[in-house]
Structure formats: C-alpha cells, structure tokens
Amino acid sequence: MTDDGLAEDYRQAGFSNRLGFGEHPALVVVDFCHAYLDPDSPLYAGVEDARESCIRLLAAARSAQIPVVHTRVEFQPGGADGGIFFRKVAALACFVRGNPLGEYGKGLEPADDEVVVVKQYASGFFGTSLASTLTSLGVDTLIITGVSTSGCVRATALDACQHGFVPIVVRDACGDRDQRVHEANLFDLDAKYADVVSEQEVLDELSVRK
C-alpha cells in the first residue's frame, strides 16, 4: 500500500481527525541539547535542520507572547533517579549532572522568564509539575518541538493528550536519528493523539496572535 493509500485507509477507519489550535497555546521545546547535536555524542541525530526550525518557532512564540516551556533531562551521578530507563539506555549517561552534552543547543537557551522542566524519563509530564504549571497559565494547546520524535517528543505529546491539552507536533522542528523512525512516529501521532503540522502553519497561527 502506498503512503497515500495508508493515510486514506486510516481516515476511512475513523483516525486522523483534526483537533486544531485552542485559544491559549504554549510552545514546548523538548530536550534540544548538545547530546543530539554534537557528532561525537552517542545520541547524535543529525537534527540541525530541526534545530533551525525550532529557533524560528521560539522567536515567533516570544514575539506572540505565549508561554514557552523547555524540558531537559538530568540524572544524579550513578543514575539511580533514572531507574529502569537509565539501565536500559546506556547513552543516557550523557545527561548525568555536569555533562556538557546535557546543555541547551545554541540558540535554544531559555529566557529568564521561561519555564524549565527537569525530568528523568521520556515524557515532560511524568514525575514533574508540568501539567499543574500549564493549567495555572490557562494553556489549552501545546505546540511541541524537539527531540527525539520517537522518544521524548512522542511521550510528551501522548501525555499532553491524556492530560487534556491539545498536542500540535511540528514536523519540521522535531527530529530523530533515523528518518524512517521519525516519519513512522509522526504518522502514528497524527492518526491517534495529535495534529502533526508544518512550521509554516504554526508561524501563520502565531502571527495573528501578536
């Protein structure tokens, strides 16, 4: 079956409905750090184009004065607070406290007034105050960017849906170490849990909120 045929098959079965933007969106930048950008890192994913897209969206979100949230991963030395996840993925040692690979990618550093969520697992919601923070800000929609598409982006988008926030995943501003994995996860997210949209769609949406 062709890609178009597969998409049509899903639509006819009742998947892939559009959720649309709500009244009060926030931008979430998921784990965009040097670990995915440094060619010498075990997590290097070749996501430079996604970083540039994310930089443009970050500027647009700030211009539109919508809330911005950054997530980052950090483990204590030894990784005891990472539990099974830390044991399963040896490359997570990149995020042990003090490792420069865990620092934000250039151009994606949080502003002083932006929320930073420090996490130990894939979802930005799991074991954090993110849901409470978004609720207190009156947010109803999350514009989700970052890395990796199959890991922390997917988990955060799924949990956003399950917490009652509309997830808008920006195709151009997310990335993974393999394009096939990236595309497969975007397809599934778009079918079941989120709207997957282009950078331009988000820029157009934010431009009318200034």
Foldseek 3Di string as FASTA:
>chain_A
DDPVVVLVVLVVVPWQDDDDADDAEEEEAEQQFQLCVPPVHPFPAPLPQLQVLVLVLVVLCVVLVGAYEYEFEEAEVVRPVLPPVCVVDVSCVCRYPPRRRRHHDPSPDDDPPHHYQYDNAQESPPPTCVLVVCVVVVHQEYEYAYDALLTNRLRNQQVCQVSRHAYEYELRNHHHNDVVSSVVSVSVCSGHGHPYHHSVVSSVVSVVSD
